[in-house]
Amino acid sequence: VQIFAPGVAAFGSAKYYDHAGVVLTALSEAIDTIATEPALDRVLSKLAEGARRLARARYAAIGIPASEGDAFDRFVTVGMSDELIERLGPLPRTHGMLGAMLAETRPFRTADITQDPRFRGWWPSAHPTMRSFLGVPMVTQGAVIGAFYLTDREGADEFTAEDEARVKLLAGHAAIA
């Protein structure tokens, strides 16, 4: 018996095993980093890179909100050059779509982030244009402790249910740590 889901390669196909290998490698590397890396920023960077690879995103970030106020304690990005990050200026705030992913325990994806009513409509002038979006909260004991933010799905116009499931699995492991 084979079970098919939209966007998921059939079990036993070459495409299935290629994707399964990528997923297992990315998850294994992320879990190993969580278990062995003492530097938090390095762990967050590896987790963001793992999420980027799992979902085939151009850009990824992981945000950990400050205990009070509307700031992030940590906001780590991958896919952007150091020069671009410097031009963007201070860390973003927990508002708009970034804040929405911290207020809900469910993932969210859209083909065009700018069309969502929670999008505030502005970015710093150096910010790259982004369209497709996948946000996945990290949840522990019913509380959101951070979130993955992925944009610009490579090779497609939007993220898939499979992309979401992969990053959600990574977020679950990250939340345990």
Protein backbone atom coordinates (compact mmCIF):
# COMPACT_ATOMS: atom_id res chain seq x y z
CA VAL A 1 0.00 0.00 0.00
CA GLN A 2 1.36 3.41 -0.93
CA ILE A 3 0.12 6.63 0.57
CA PHE A 4 0.48 9.76 -1.51
CA ALA A 5 0.36 13.33 -0.29
CA PRO A 6 0.53 16.47 -2.40
CA GLY A 7 4.13 17.51 -2.98
CA VAL A 8 5.61 14.33 -1.43
CA ALA A 9 7.56 11.93 -3.63
CA ALA A 10 6.30 8.36 -3.75
CA PHE A 11 7.98 6.02 -1.26
CA GLY A 12 10.55 3.92 -3.08
CA SER A 13 11.19 6.42 -5.87
CA ALA A 14 14.65 7.86 -6.48
CA LYS A 15 13.28 11.33 -5.75
CA TYR A 16 11.96 10.10 -2.38
CA TYR A 17 15.36 8.75 -1.34
CA ASP A 18 17.20 11.88 -2.55
CA HIS A 19 14.91 14.09 -0.45
CA ALA A 20 14.97 11.68 2.50
CA GLY A 21 18.77 11.79 2.52
CA VAL A 22 18.78 15.59 2.53
CA VAL A 23 16.21 15.71 5.32
CA LEU A 24 17.98 13.14 7.49
CA THR A 25 21.35 14.83 7.00
CA ALA A 26 20.01 18.29 7.86
CA LEU A 27 18.13 17.01 10.92
CA SER A 28 21.09 14.95 12.09
CA GLU A 29 23.47 17.91 11.78
CA ALA A 30 21.05 20.21 13.62
CA ILE A 31 20.50 17.74 16.46
CA ASP A 32 24.24 17.13 16.76
CA THR A 33 24.81 20.89 16.98
CA ILE A 34 22.17 21.25 19.69
CA ALA A 35 23.81 18.47 21.68
CA THR A 36 27.44 19.48 21.30
CA GLU A 37 27.81 23.21 20.56
CA PRO A 38 28.22 25.42 23.64
CA ALA A 39 27.84 28.80 21.84
CA LEU A 40 24.16 29.78 21.49
CA ASP A 41 24.62 31.99 18.42
CA ARG A 42 26.44 29.17 16.62
CA VAL A 43 23.62 26.75 17.50
CA LEU A 44 21.02 29.22 16.23
CA SER A 45 22.98 29.78 13.02
CA LYS A 46 23.23 26.03 12.38
CA LEU A 47 19.53 25.59 13.09
CA ALA A 48 18.62 28.41 10.70
CA GLU A 49 20.88 26.90 8.04
CA GLY A 50 19.28 23.49 8.60
CA ALA A 51 15.81 25.00 8.18
CA ARG A 52 16.94 26.82 5.03
CA ARG A 53 18.20 23.56 3.53
CA LEU A 54 15.14 21.55 4.60
CA ALA A 55 12.70 23.99 2.99
CA ARG A 56 14.95 25.05 0.10
CA ALA A 57 14.63 28.70 1.10
CA ARG A 58 16.84 31.51 -0.12
CA TYR A 59 16.77 33.20 3.28
CA ALA A 60 16.18 31.86 6.78
CA ALA A 61 16.25 33.31 10.26
CA ILE A 62 15.59 32.15 13.76
CA GLY A 63 14.28 34.63 16.30
CA ILE A 64 14.23 34.34 20.08
CA PRO A 65 12.18 37.13 21.68
CA ALA A 66 13.38 39.11 24.68
CA SER A 67 11.56 38.30 27.90
CA GLU A 68 10.02 41.79 27.95
CA GLY A 69 9.12 44.36 25.30
CA ASP A 70 9.00 44.03 21.53
CA ALA A 71 12.65 43.21 20.84
CA PHE A 72 14.38 40.01 19.87
CA ASP A 73 17.01 38.74 22.27
CA ARG A 74 18.54 36.89 19.32
CA PHE A 75 17.78 37.11 15.61
CA VAL A 76 20.14 35.06 13.45
CA THR A 77 19.92 35.03 9.66
CA VAL A 78 21.43 32.86 6.95
CA GLY A 79 21.48 33.47 3.21
CA MET A 80 22.46 37.14 3.50
CA SER A 81 25.98 38.49 3.24
CA ASP A 82 27.60 40.12 6.26
CA GLU A 83 27.66 43.38 4.28
CA LEU A 84 23.91 43.24 3.68
CA ILE A 85 23.20 42.42 7.33
CA GLU A 86 25.29 45.43 8.38
CA ARG A 87 23.38 47.70 5.98
CA LEU A 88 20.05 46.49 7.39
CA GLY A 89 20.86 48.06 10.75
CA PRO A 90 19.53 47.00 14.15
CA LEU A 91 17.67 43.77 14.81
CA PRO A 92 14.04 43.69 13.73
CA ARG A 93 11.25 44.02 16.29
CA THR A 94 8.64 41.40 17.13
CA HIS A 95 5.90 43.03 15.06
CA GLY A 96 4.08 42.16 11.85
CA MET A 97 4.69 38.65 10.55
CA LEU A 98 7.66 38.20 12.86
CA GLY A 99 5.47 38.86 15.88
CA ALA A 100 2.59 36.78 14.51
CA MET A 101 4.78 33.68 14.54
CA LEU A 102 5.48 34.30 18.24
CA ALA A 103 1.80 34.70 19.09
CA GLU A 104 0.50 31.47 17.54
CA THR A 105 1.61 27.87 17.94
CA ARG A 106 0.74 26.90 14.35
CA PRO A 107 3.00 27.33 11.32
CA PHE A 108 1.97 29.74 8.58
CA ARG A 109 2.88 29.85 4.90
CA THR A 110 1.92 32.11 2.04
CA ALA A 111 2.98 32.67 -1.55
CA ASP A 112 3.23 36.43 -0.96
CA ILE A 113 4.02 37.82 2.48
CA THR A 114 3.18 41.35 1.34
CA GLN A 115 -0.47 40.36 0.80
CA ASP A 116 -1.03 39.20 4.38
CA PRO A 117 -2.79 41.79 6.57
CA ARG A 118 -0.20 41.25 9.32
CA PHE A 119 2.55 42.48 7.01
CA ARG A 120 3.37 46.03 8.07
CA GLY A 121 4.48 47.19 4.64
CA TRP A 122 7.98 48.40 5.28
CA TRP A 123 11.51 47.12 5.42
CA PRO A 124 14.79 48.97 5.75
CA SER A 125 15.89 50.34 2.35
CA ALA A 126 18.65 47.71 2.01
CA HIS A 127 16.26 44.82 2.76
CA PRO A 128 15.87 42.33 -0.11
CA THR A 129 12.41 41.95 -1.59
CA MET A 130 10.80 38.79 -0.24
CA ARG A 131 7.61 37.06 -1.33
CA SER A 132 7.01 33.45 -0.32
CA PHE A 133 7.08 32.93 3.43
CA LEU A 134 7.08 30.04 5.89
CA GLY A 135 6.98 30.79 9.61
CA VAL A 136 7.27 27.97 12.13
CA PRO A 137 7.05 28.63 15.87
CA MET A 138 9.22 26.67 18.30
CA VAL A 139 6.83 25.47 20.98
CA THR A 140 7.58 23.88 24.33
CA GLN A 141 4.93 23.02 26.91
CA GLY A 142 2.38 25.02 24.90
CA ALA A 143 4.46 28.22 24.90
CA VAL A 144 6.20 29.76 21.89
CA ILE A 145 9.88 30.33 22.70
CA GLY A 146 11.04 31.40 19.25
CA ALA A 147 10.39 30.91 15.56
CA PHE A 148 11.92 30.01 12.24
CA TYR A 149 11.32 32.49 9.41
CA LEU A 150 11.96 31.34 5.85
CA THR A 151 11.46 33.30 2.65
CA ASP A 152 11.79 32.91 -1.09
CA ARG A 153 11.36 29.20 -1.81
CA GLU A 154 13.95 28.22 -4.42
CA GLY A 155 12.61 26.38 -7.46
CA ALA A 156 8.96 27.16 -6.70
CA ASP A 157 6.66 30.12 -6.09
CA GLU A 158 5.75 29.01 -2.58
CA PHE A 159 6.62 26.63 0.23
CA THR A 160 4.87 23.26 0.36
CA ALA A 161 3.20 21.24 3.10
CA GLU A 162 6.26 18.99 2.98
CA ASP A 163 8.57 21.98 3.58
CA GLU A 164 6.40 22.99 6.51
CA ALA A 165 6.45 19.49 8.01
CA ARG A 166 10.25 19.30 7.76
CA VAL A 167 10.83 22.64 9.47
CA LYS A 168 8.17 21.86 12.08
CA LEU A 169 10.07 18.68 12.97
CA LEU A 170 13.29 20.68 13.31
CA ALA A 171 11.49 23.30 15.41
CA GLY A 172 10.23 20.59 17.74
CA HIS A 173 13.76 19.31 18.29
CA ALA A 174 15.10 22.84 18.76
CA ALA A 175 12.41 23.62 21.35
CA ILE A 176 13.38 20.59 23.42
CA ALA A 177 16.94 21.85 23.64
